[in-house]
Amino acid sequence: MNKENNRKVRIKVRLSEEEHEKLKHCASACGLSQSAFIRQLCKGKAPKSQPKKEFWELLNALYDVHNGFQKCSKYEPSALGVCKEIEGLILNLQEAG
């Protein structure tokens, strides 16, 4: 790769304390460094906040319930309908998260 294409340009930006705190908070919520957060914005992408621990706990609980109903489906075929509903909930959560 050409060295000129690989160079980084350093910029300096002055922010108020309030703006700096907001930048730190937003970058942290997305699991990004402040530089990575700004780079995403410059590319026209809106970084999304990372889901909280409770989100993953809920998703894992839904997977467990789904697996339980799936095991029951060989004895009670109507359990497959419940599985489909849970799959829909999981998809909705993943899209929202």
PDB file of N, CA and C in Angstrom:
ATOM      1  N   MET A   1       0.848  -1.190   0.000  1.00  0.00           N
ATOM      2  CA  MET A   1       0.000   0.000   0.000  1.00  0.00           C
ATOM      3  C   MET A   1       0.884   1.241   0.000  1.00  0.00           C
ATOM      4  N   ASN A   2       0.508   2.231  -0.736  1.00  0.00           N
ATOM      5  CA  ASN A   2       1.243   3.471  -0.837  1.00  0.00           C
ATOM      6  C   ASN A   2       1.250   4.191   0.505  1.00  0.00           C
ATOM      7  N   LYS A   3       2.442   4.689   0.909  1.00  0.00           N
ATOM      8  CA  LYS A   3       2.555   5.368   2.206  1.00  0.00           C
ATOM      9  C   LYS A   3       1.661   6.599   2.287  1.00  0.00           C
ATOM     10  N   GLU A   4       1.507   7.314   1.184  1.00  0.00           N
ATOM     11  CA  GLU A   4       0.681   8.520   1.197  1.00  0.00           C
ATOM     12  C   GLU A   4      -0.783   8.196   1.500  1.00  0.00           C
ATOM     13  N   ASN A   5      -1.257   7.042   1.030  1.00  0.00           N
ATOM     14  CA  ASN A   5      -2.639   6.652   1.285  1.00  0.00           C
ATOM     15  C   ASN A   5      -2.851   6.215   2.735  1.00  0.00           C
ATOM     16  N   ASN A   6      -1.770   5.852   3.409  1.00  0.00           N
ATOM     17  CA  ASN A   6      -1.863   5.311   4.761  1.00  0.00           C
ATOM     18  C   ASN A   6      -1.641   6.370   5.835  1.00  0.00           C
ATOM     19  N   ARG A   7      -1.316   7.587   5.451  1.00  0.00           N
ATOM     20  CA  ARG A   7      -1.043   8.637   6.432  1.00  0.00           C
ATOM     21  C   ARG A   7      -2.315   9.082   7.135  1.00  0.00           C
ATOM     22  N   LYS A   8      -2.153   9.398   8.377  1.00  0.00           N
ATOM     23  CA  LYS A   8      -3.261   9.945   9.157  1.00  0.00           C
ATOM     24  C   LYS A   8      -3.079  11.459   9.248  1.00  0.00           C
ATOM     25  N   VAL A   9      -4.147  12.184   9.176  1.00  0.00           N
ATOM     26  CA  VAL A   9      -4.114  13.627   9.317  1.00  0.00           C
ATOM     27  C   VAL A   9      -4.595  13.954  10.717  1.00  0.00           C
ATOM     28  N   ARG A  10      -3.825  14.692  11.424  1.00  0.00           N
ATOM     29  CA  ARG A  10      -4.218  15.086  12.780  1.00  0.00           C
ATOM     30  C   ARG A  10      -4.957  16.418  12.705  1.00  0.00           C
ATOM     31  N   ILE A  11      -6.074  16.478  13.389  1.00  0.00           N
ATOM     32  CA  ILE A  11      -6.813  17.733  13.465  1.00  0.00           C
ATOM     33  C   ILE A  11      -6.985  18.086  14.934  1.00  0.00           C
ATOM     34  N   LYS A  12      -7.122  19.344  15.189  1.00  0.00           N
ATOM     35  CA  LYS A  12      -7.383  19.811  16.551  1.00  0.00           C
ATOM     36  C   LYS A  12      -8.739  20.502  16.548  1.00  0.00           C
ATOM     37  N   VAL A  13      -9.530  20.172  17.540  1.00  0.00           N
ATOM     38  CA  VAL A  13     -10.858  20.752  17.669  1.00  0.00           C
ATOM     39  C   VAL A  13     -11.016  21.228  19.098  1.00  0.00           C
ATOM     40  N   ARG A  14     -11.536  22.389  19.239  1.00  0.00           N
ATOM     41  CA  ARG A  14     -11.803  22.905  20.587  1.00  0.00           C
ATOM     42  C   ARG A  14     -13.282  22.710  20.895  1.00  0.00           C
ATOM     43  N   LEU A  15     -13.544  22.107  22.044  1.00  0.00           N
ATOM     44  CA  LEU A  15     -14.912  21.863  22.500  1.00  0.00           C
ATOM     45  C   LEU A  15     -15.102  22.507  23.859  1.00  0.00           C
ATOM     46  N   SER A  16     -16.329  22.835  24.152  1.00  0.00           N
ATOM     47  CA  SER A  16     -16.628  23.281  25.506  1.00  0.00           C
ATOM     48  C   SER A  16     -16.584  22.048  26.409  1.00  0.00           C
ATOM     49  N   GLU A  17     -16.542  22.244  27.694  1.00  0.00           N
ATOM     50  CA  GLU A  17     -16.551  21.117  28.645  1.00  0.00           C
ATOM     51  C   GLU A  17     -17.799  20.259  28.432  1.00  0.00           C
ATOM     52  N   GLU A  18     -18.920  20.929  28.217  1.00  0.00           N
ATOM     53  CA  GLU A  18     -20.185  20.219  28.010  1.00  0.00           C
ATOM     54  C   GLU A  18     -20.134  19.371  26.738  1.00  0.00           C
ATOM     55  N   GLU A  19     -19.609  19.936  25.655  1.00  0.00           N
ATOM     56  CA  GLU A  19     -19.487  19.192  24.403  1.00  0.00           C
ATOM     57  C   GLU A  19     -18.538  18.011  24.545  1.00  0.00           C
ATOM     58  N   HIS A  20     -17.438  18.249  25.263  1.00  0.00           N
ATOM     59  CA  HIS A  20     -16.461  17.173  25.466  1.00  0.00           C
ATOM     60  C   HIS A  20     -17.069  16.033  26.282  1.00  0.00           C
ATOM     61  N   GLU A  21     -17.819  16.368  27.309  1.00  0.00           N
ATOM     62  CA  GLU A  21     -18.479  15.335  28.123  1.00  0.00           C
ATOM     63  C   GLU A  21     -19.484  14.554  27.286  1.00  0.00           C
ATOM     64  N   LYS A  22     -20.210  15.257  26.434  1.00  0.00           N
ATOM     65  CA  LYS A  22     -21.182  14.586  25.576  1.00  0.00           C
ATOM     66  C   LYS A  22     -20.470  13.655  24.592  1.00  0.00           C
ATOM     67  N   LEU A  23     -19.367  14.102  24.015  1.00  0.00           N
ATOM     68  CA  LEU A  23     -18.596  13.263  23.097  1.00  0.00           C
ATOM     69  C   LEU A  23     -18.089  12.018  23.818  1.00  0.00           C
ATOM     70  N   LYS A  24     -17.541  12.195  25.012  1.00  0.00           N
ATOM     71  CA  LYS A  24     -17.050  11.040  25.789  1.00  0.00           C
ATOM     72  C   LYS A  24     -18.178  10.073  26.086  1.00  0.00           C
ATOM     73  N   HIS A  25     -19.320  10.601  26.502  1.00  0.00           N
ATOM     74  CA  HIS A  25     -20.471   9.766  26.850  1.00  0.00           C
ATOM     75  C   HIS A  25     -20.980   8.997  25.631  1.00  0.00           C
ATOM     76  N   CYS A  26     -21.147   9.693  24.511  1.00  0.00           N
ATOM     77  CA  CYS A  26     -21.671   9.048  23.299  1.00  0.00           C
ATOM     78  C   CYS A  26     -20.712   7.982  22.777  1.00  0.00           C
ATOM     79  N   ALA A  27     -19.430   8.292  22.742  1.00  0.00           N
ATOM     80  CA  ALA A  27     -18.436   7.329  22.256  1.00  0.00           C
ATOM     81  C   ALA A  27     -18.409   6.100  23.155  1.00  0.00           C
ATOM     82  N   SER A  28     -18.435   6.327  24.449  1.00  0.00           N
ATOM     83  CA  SER A  28     -18.409   5.223  25.411  1.00  0.00           C
ATOM     84  C   SER A  28     -19.648   4.350  25.286  1.00  0.00           C
ATOM     85  N   ALA A  29     -20.807   4.971  25.120  1.00  0.00           N
ATOM     86  CA  ALA A  29     -22.055   4.222  24.988  1.00  0.00           C
ATOM     87  C   ALA A  29     -22.046   3.325  23.753  1.00  0.00           C
ATOM     88  N   CYS A  30     -21.288   3.728  22.733  1.00  0.00           N
ATOM     89  CA  CYS A  30     -21.200   2.943  21.497  1.00  0.00           C
ATOM     90  C   CYS A  30     -20.040   1.952  21.532  1.00  0.00           C
ATOM     91  N   GLY A  31     -19.256   1.991  22.612  1.00  0.00           N
ATOM     92  CA  GLY A  31     -18.109   1.093  22.709  1.00  0.00           C
ATOM     93  C   GLY A  31     -16.970   1.508  21.792  1.00  0.00           C
ATOM     94  N   LEU A  32     -16.891   2.801  21.494  1.00  0.00           N
ATOM     95  CA  LEU A  32     -15.870   3.310  20.588  1.00  0.00           C
ATOM     96  C   LEU A  32     -14.992   4.335  21.293  1.00  0.00           C
ATOM     97  N   SER A  33     -13.770   4.507  20.766  1.00  0.00           N
ATOM     98  CA  SER A  33     -12.948   5.619  21.237  1.00  0.00           C
ATOM     99  C   SER A  33     -13.562   6.895  20.670  1.00  0.00           C
ATOM    100  N   GLN A  34     -13.149   8.028  21.206  1.00  0.00           N
ATOM    101  CA  GLN A  34     -13.671   9.292  20.683  1.00  0.00           C
ATOM    102  C   GLN A  34     -13.285   9.467  19.216  1.00  0.00           C
ATOM    103  N   SER A  35     -12.054   9.077  18.866  1.00  0.00           N
ATOM    104  CA  SER A  35     -11.606   9.194  17.470  1.00  0.00           C
ATOM    105  C   SER A  35     -12.432   8.308  16.548  1.00  0.00           C
ATOM    106  N   ALA A  36     -12.649   7.060  16.976  1.00  0.00           N
ATOM    107  CA  ALA A  36     -13.430   6.129  16.146  1.00  0.00           C
ATOM    108  C   ALA A  36     -14.867   6.630  15.994  1.00  0.00           C
ATOM    109  N   PHE A  37     -15.418   7.198  17.061  1.00  0.00           N
ATOM    110  CA  PHE A  37     -16.778   7.742  17.013  1.00  0.00           C
ATOM    111  C   PHE A  37     -16.864   8.861  15.976  1.00  0.00           C
ATOM    112  N   ILE A  38     -15.907   9.779  16.008  1.00  0.00           N
ATOM    113  CA  ILE A  38     -15.895  10.901  15.067  1.00  0.00           C
ATOM    114  C   ILE A  38     -15.682  10.400  13.643  1.00  0.00           C
ATOM    115  N   ARG A  39     -14.806   9.391  13.464  1.00  0.00           N
ATOM    116  CA  ARG A  39     -14.589   8.829  12.127  1.00  0.00           C
ATOM    117  C   ARG A  39     -15.884   8.256  11.554  1.00  0.00           C
ATOM    118  N   GLN A  40     -16.656   7.563  12.390  1.00  0.00           N
ATOM    119  CA  GLN A  40     -17.931   7.002  11.935  1.00  0.00           C
ATOM    120  C   GLN A  40     -18.870   8.118  11.490  1.00  0.00           C
ATOM    121  N   LEU A  41     -18.917   9.193  12.268  1.00  0.00           N
ATOM    122  CA  LEU A  41     -19.773  10.328  11.900  1.00  0.00           C
ATOM    123  C   LEU A  41     -19.332  10.945  10.573  1.00  0.00           C
ATOM    124  N   CYS A  42     -18.011  11.051  10.382  1.00  0.00           N
ATOM    125  CA  CYS A  42     -17.489  11.628   9.136  1.00  0.00           C
ATOM    126  C   CYS A  42     -17.826  10.761   7.928  1.00  0.00           C
ATOM    127  N   LYS A  43     -17.988   9.467   8.146  1.00  0.00           N
ATOM    128  CA  LYS A  43     -18.347   8.549   7.060  1.00  0.00           C
ATOM    129  C   LYS A  43     -19.853   8.528   6.815  1.00  0.00           C
ATOM    130  N   GLY A  44     -20.594   9.343   7.588  1.00  0.00           N
ATOM    131  CA  GLY A  44     -22.041   9.405   7.414  1.00  0.00           C
ATOM    132  C   GLY A  44     -22.785   8.306   8.144  1.00  0.00           C
ATOM    133  N   LYS A  45     -22.100   7.608   9.041  1.00  0.00           N
ATOM    134  CA  LYS A  45     -22.728   6.532   9.808  1.00  0.00           C
ATOM    135  C   LYS A  45     -23.072   7.058  11.195  1.00  0.00           C
ATOM    136  N   ALA A  46     -24.210   6.646  11.689  1.00  0.00           N
ATOM    137  CA  ALA A  46     -24.618   7.032  13.038  1.00  0.00           C
ATOM    138  C   ALA A  46     -24.336   5.855  13.968  1.00  0.00           C
ATOM    139  N   PRO A  47     -23.269   5.935  14.763  1.00  0.00           N
ATOM    140  CA  PRO A  47     -22.960   4.829  15.673  1.00  0.00           C
ATOM    141  C   PRO A  47     -24.124   4.569  16.626  1.00  0.00           C
ATOM    142  N   LYS A  48     -24.390   3.298  16.885  1.00  0.00           N
ATOM    143  CA  LYS A  48     -25.479   2.914  17.780  1.00  0.00           C
ATOM    144  C   LYS A  48     -24.927   2.555  19.143  1.00  0.00           C
ATOM    145  N   SER A  49     -25.693   2.866  20.161  1.00  0.00           N
ATOM    146  CA  SER A  49     -25.313   2.486  21.515  1.00  0.00           C
ATOM    147  C   SER A  49     -25.306   0.971  21.633  1.00  0.00           C
ATOM    148  N   GLN A  50     -24.386   0.469  22.436  1.00  0.00           N
ATOM    149  CA  GLN A  50     -24.338  -0.962  22.687  1.00  0.00           C
ATOM    150  C   GLN A  50     -25.432  -1.329  23.679  1.00  0.00           C
ATOM    151  N   PRO A  51     -26.066  -2.469  23.461  1.00  0.00           N
ATOM    152  CA  PRO A  51     -27.093  -2.894  24.413  1.00  0.00           C
ATOM    153  C   PRO A  51     -26.503  -3.122  25.801  1.00  0.00           C
ATOM    154  N   LYS A  52     -27.328  -2.889  26.801  1.00  0.00           N
ATOM    155  CA  LYS A  52     -26.890  -3.099  28.181  1.00  0.00           C
ATOM    156  C   LYS A  52     -26.892  -4.585  28.528  1.00  0.00           C
ATOM    157  N   LYS A  53     -26.293  -4.886  29.651  1.00  0.00           N
ATOM    158  CA  LYS A  53     -26.183  -6.265  30.131  1.00  0.00           C
ATOM    159  C   LYS A  53     -27.551  -6.933  30.231  1.00  0.00           C
ATOM    160  N   GLU A  54     -28.568  -6.189  30.670  1.00  0.00           N
ATOM    161  CA  GLU A  54     -29.914  -6.737  30.820  1.00  0.00           C
ATOM    162  C   GLU A  54     -30.495  -7.191  29.479  1.00  0.00           C
ATOM    163  N   PHE A  55     -30.143  -6.492  28.416  1.00  0.00           N
ATOM    164  CA  PHE A  55     -30.601  -6.882  27.083  1.00  0.00           C
ATOM    165  C   PHE A  55     -30.122  -8.290  26.754  1.00  0.00           C
ATOM    166  N   TRP A  56     -28.834  -8.546  26.983  1.00  0.00           N
ATOM    167  CA  TRP A  56     -28.263  -9.858  26.672  1.00  0.00           C
ATOM    168  C   TRP A  56     -28.839 -10.937  27.581  1.00  0.00           C
ATOM    169  N   GLU A  57     -29.100 -10.582  28.839  1.00  0.00           N
ATOM    170  CA  GLU A  57     -29.704 -11.543  29.757  1.00  0.00           C
ATOM    171  C   GLU A  57     -31.109 -11.928  29.280  1.00  0.00           C
ATOM    172  N   LEU A  58     -31.880 -10.941  28.844  1.00  0.00           N
ATOM    173  CA  LEU A  58     -33.225 -11.203  28.332  1.00  0.00           C
ATOM    174  C   LEU A  58     -33.172 -12.049  27.070  1.00  0.00           C
ATOM    175  N   LEU A  59     -32.267 -11.718  26.168  1.00  0.00           N
ATOM    176  CA  LEU A  59     -32.132 -12.483  24.928  1.00  0.00           C
ATOM    177  C   LEU A  59     -31.754 -13.934  25.218  1.00  0.00           C
ATOM    178  N   ASN A  60     -30.816 -14.147  26.129  1.00  0.00           N
ATOM    179  CA  ASN A  60     -30.420 -15.510  26.502  1.00  0.00           C
ATOM    180  C   ASN A  60     -31.566 -16.269  27.152  1.00  0.00           C
ATOM    181  N   ALA A  61     -32.368 -15.583  27.974  1.00  0.00           N
ATOM    182  CA  ALA A  61     -33.519 -16.228  28.602  1.00  0.00           C
ATOM    183  C   ALA A  61     -34.533 -16.653  27.539  1.00  0.00           C
ATOM    184  N   LEU A  62     -34.748 -15.803  26.535  1.00  0.00           N
ATOM    185  CA  LEU A  62     -35.669 -16.169  25.456  1.00  0.00           C
ATOM    186  C   LEU A  62     -35.152 -17.380  24.672  1.00  0.00           C
ATOM    187  N   TYR A  63     -33.852 -17.421  24.437  1.00  0.00           N
ATOM    188  CA  TYR A  63     -33.271 -18.587  23.765  1.00  0.00           C
ATOM    189  C   TYR A  63     -33.498 -19.857  24.591  1.00  0.00           C
ATOM    190  N   ASP A  64     -33.323 -19.753  25.909  1.00  0.00           N
ATOM    191  CA  ASP A  64     -33.532 -20.916  26.784  1.00  0.00           C
ATOM    192  C   ASP A  64     -34.983 -21.393  26.736  1.00  0.00           C
ATOM    193  N   VAL A  65     -35.929 -20.443  26.801  1.00  0.00           N
ATOM    194  CA  VAL A  65     -37.352 -20.793  26.748  1.00  0.00           C
ATOM    195  C   VAL A  65     -37.673 -21.414  25.389  1.00  0.00           C
ATOM    196  N   HIS A  66     -37.125 -20.833  24.337  1.00  0.00           N
ATOM    197  CA  HIS A  66     -37.334 -21.363  22.984  1.00  0.00           C
ATOM    198  C   HIS A  66     -36.842 -22.803  22.903  1.00  0.00           C
ATOM    199  N   ASN A  67     -35.646 -23.056  23.414  1.00  0.00           N
ATOM    200  CA  ASN A  67     -35.096 -24.417  23.374  1.00  0.00           C
ATOM    201  C   ASN A  67     -35.961 -25.397  24.157  1.00  0.00           C
ATOM    202  N   GLY A  68     -36.512 -24.937  25.283  1.00  0.00           N
ATOM    203  CA  GLY A  68     -37.397 -25.785  26.080  1.00  0.00           C
ATOM    204  C   GLY A  68     -38.654 -26.170  25.308  1.00  0.00           C
ATOM    205  N   PHE A  69     -39.272 -25.179  24.659  1.00  0.00           N
ATOM    206  CA  PHE A  69     -40.469 -25.479  23.867  1.00  0.00           C
ATOM    207  C   PHE A  69     -40.136 -26.365  22.669  1.00  0.00           C
ATOM    208  N   GLN A  70     -38.970 -26.165  22.092  1.00  0.00           N
ATOM    209  CA  GLN A  70     -38.581 -26.982  20.951  1.00  0.00           C
ATOM    210  C   GLN A  70     -38.430 -28.452  21.365  1.00  0.00           C
ATOM    211  N   LYS A  71     -37.882 -28.689  22.546  1.00  0.00           N
ATOM    212  CA  LYS A  71     -37.745 -30.062  23.050  1.00  0.00           C
ATOM    213  C   LYS A  71     -39.114 -30.694  23.311  1.00  0.00           C
ATOM    214  N   CYS A  72     -40.057 -29.866  23.750  1.00  0.00           N
ATOM    215  CA  CYS A  72     -41.410 -30.360  24.040  1.00  0.00           C
ATOM    216  C   CYS A  72     -42.198 -30.644  22.765  1.00  0.00           C
ATOM    217  N   SER A  73     -41.785 -30.058  21.651  1.00  0.00           N
ATOM    218  CA  SER A  73     -42.579 -30.153  20.426  1.00  0.00           C
ATOM    219  C   SER A  73     -42.706 -31.588  19.907  1.00  0.00           C
ATOM    220  N   LYS A  74     -41.764 -32.469  20.258  1.00  0.00           N
ATOM    221  CA  LYS A  74     -41.913 -33.855  19.789  1.00  0.00           C
ATOM    222  C   LYS A  74     -43.042 -34.564  20.528  1.00  0.00           C
ATOM    223  N   TYR A  75     -43.419 -34.058  21.713  1.00  0.00           N
ATOM    224  CA  TYR A  75     -44.534 -34.625  22.479  1.00  0.00           C
ATOM    225  C   TYR A  75     -45.818 -33.825  22.279  1.00  0.00           C
ATOM    226  N   GLU A  76     -45.658 -32.520  22.053  1.00  0.00           N
ATOM    227  CA  GLU A  76     -46.810 -31.628  21.867  1.00  0.00           C
ATOM    228  C   GLU A  76     -46.504 -30.704  20.679  1.00  0.00           C
ATOM    229  N   PRO A  77     -46.967 -31.089  19.475  1.00  0.00           N
ATOM    230  CA  PRO A  77     -46.652 -30.316  18.267  1.00  0.00           C
ATOM    231  C   PRO A  77     -47.072 -28.841  18.315  1.00  0.00           C
ATOM    232  N   SER A  78     -48.056 -28.502  19.134  1.00  0.00           N
ATOM    233  CA  SER A  78     -48.487 -27.102  19.213  1.00  0.00           C
ATOM    234  C   SER A  78     -47.396 -26.206  19.810  1.00  0.00           C
ATOM    235  N   ALA A  79     -46.397 -26.804  20.452  1.00  0.00           N
ATOM    236  CA  ALA A  79     -45.288 -26.026  21.010  1.00  0.00           C
ATOM    237  C   ALA A  79     -44.491 -25.335  19.906  1.00  0.00           C
ATOM    238  N   LEU A  80     -44.571 -25.855  18.681  1.00  0.00           N
ATOM    239  CA  LEU A  80     -43.865 -25.219  17.567  1.00  0.00           C
ATOM    240  C   LEU A  80     -44.418 -23.825  17.272  1.00  0.00           C
ATOM    241  N   GLY A  81     -45.720 -23.636  17.503  1.00  0.00           N
ATOM    242  CA  GLY A  81     -46.315 -22.309  17.332  1.00  0.00           C
ATOM    243  C   GLY A  81     -45.735 -21.313  18.322  1.00  0.00           C
ATOM    244  N   VAL A  82     -45.531 -21.760  19.550  1.00  0.00           N
ATOM    245  CA  VAL A  82     -44.927 -20.903  20.580  1.00  0.00           C
ATOM    246  C   VAL A  82     -43.481 -20.588  20.180  1.00  0.00           C
ATOM    247  N   CYS A  83     -42.795 -21.582  19.627  1.00  0.00           N
ATOM    248  CA  CYS A  83     -41.418 -21.366  19.163  1.00  0.00           C
ATOM    249  C   CYS A  83     -41.371 -20.256  18.118  1.00  0.00           C
ATOM    250  N   LYS A  84     -42.313 -20.266  17.192  1.00  0.00           N
ATOM    251  CA  LYS A  84     -42.364 -19.235  16.152  1.00  0.00           C
ATOM    252  C   LYS A  84     -42.585 -17.846  16.757  1.00  0.00           C
ATOM    253  N   GLU A  85     -43.455 -17.778  17.753  1.00  0.00           N
ATOM    254  CA  GLU A  85     -43.702 -16.494  18.428  1.00  0.00           C
ATOM    255  C   GLU A  85     -42.446 -15.998  19.124  1.00  0.00           C
ATOM    256  N   ILE A  86     -41.746 -16.895  19.798  1.00  0.00           N
ATOM    257  CA  ILE A  86     -40.517 -16.514  20.499  1.00  0.00           C
ATOM    258  C   ILE A  86     -39.457 -16.077  19.495  1.00  0.00           C
ATOM    259  N   GLU A  87     -39.378 -16.770  18.359  1.00  0.00           N
ATOM    260  CA  GLU A  87     -38.419 -16.372  17.320  1.00  0.00           C
ATOM    261  C   GLU A  87     -38.703 -14.958  16.834  1.00  0.00           C
ATOM    262  N   GLY A  88     -39.985 -14.623  16.700  1.00  0.00           N
ATOM    263  CA  GLY A  88     -40.366 -13.261  16.312  1.00  0.00           C
ATOM    264  C   GLY A  88     -39.934 -12.241  17.349  1.00  0.00           C
ATOM    265  N   LEU A  89     -40.135 -12.566  18.633  1.00  0.00           N
ATOM    266  CA  LEU A  89     -39.697 -11.671  19.709  1.00  0.00           C
ATOM    267  C   LEU A  89     -38.190 -11.471  19.677  1.00  0.00           C
ATOM    268  N   ILE A  90     -37.462 -12.558  19.457  1.00  0.00           N
ATOM    269  CA  ILE A  90     -36.003 -12.477  19.412  1.00  0.00           C
ATOM    270  C   ILE A  90     -35.558 -11.573  18.262  1.00  0.00           C
ATOM    271  N   LEU A  91     -36.168 -11.732  17.099  1.00  0.00           N
ATOM    272  CA  LEU A  91     -35.816 -10.885  15.961  1.00  0.00           C
ATOM    273  C   LEU A  91     -36.112  -9.415  16.235  1.00  0.00           C
ATOM    274  N   ASN A  92     -37.265  -9.149  16.850  1.00  0.00           N
ATOM    275  CA  ASN A  92     -37.623  -7.769  17.197  1.00  0.00           C
ATOM    276  C   ASN A  92     -36.617  -7.162  18.173  1.00  0.00           C
ATOM    277  N   LEU A  93     -36.216  -7.945  19.161  1.00  0.00           N
ATOM    278  CA  LEU A  93     -35.239  -7.460  20.138  1.00  0.00           C
ATOM    279  C   LEU A  93     -33.896  -7.180  19.467  1.00  0.00           C
ATOM    280  N   GLN A  94     -33.478  -8.087  18.595  1.00  0.00           N
ATOM    281  CA  GLN A  94     -32.192  -7.895  17.919  1.00  0.00           C
ATOM    282  C   GLN A  94     -32.192  -6.650  17.049  1.00  0.00           C
ATOM    283  N   GLU A  95     -33.305  -6.383  16.388  1.00  0.00           N
ATOM    284  CA  GLU A  95     -33.402  -5.178  15.557  1.00  0.00           C
ATOM    285  C   GLU A  95     -33.404  -3.909  16.413  1.00  0.00           C
ATOM    286  N   ALA A  96     -34.071  -3.971  17.546  1.00  0.00           N
ATOM    287  CA  ALA A  96     -34.160  -2.816  18.424  1.00  0.00           C
ATOM    288  C   ALA A  96     -32.854  -2.572  19.180  1.00  0.00           C
ATOM    289  N   GLY A  97     -32.166  -3.683  19.509  1.00  0.00           N
ATOM    290  CA  GLY A  97     -30.941  -3.590  20.312  1.00  0.00           C
ATOM    291  C   GLY A  97     -29.829  -2.992  19.557  1.00  0.00           C
TER     292      GLY A  97
END
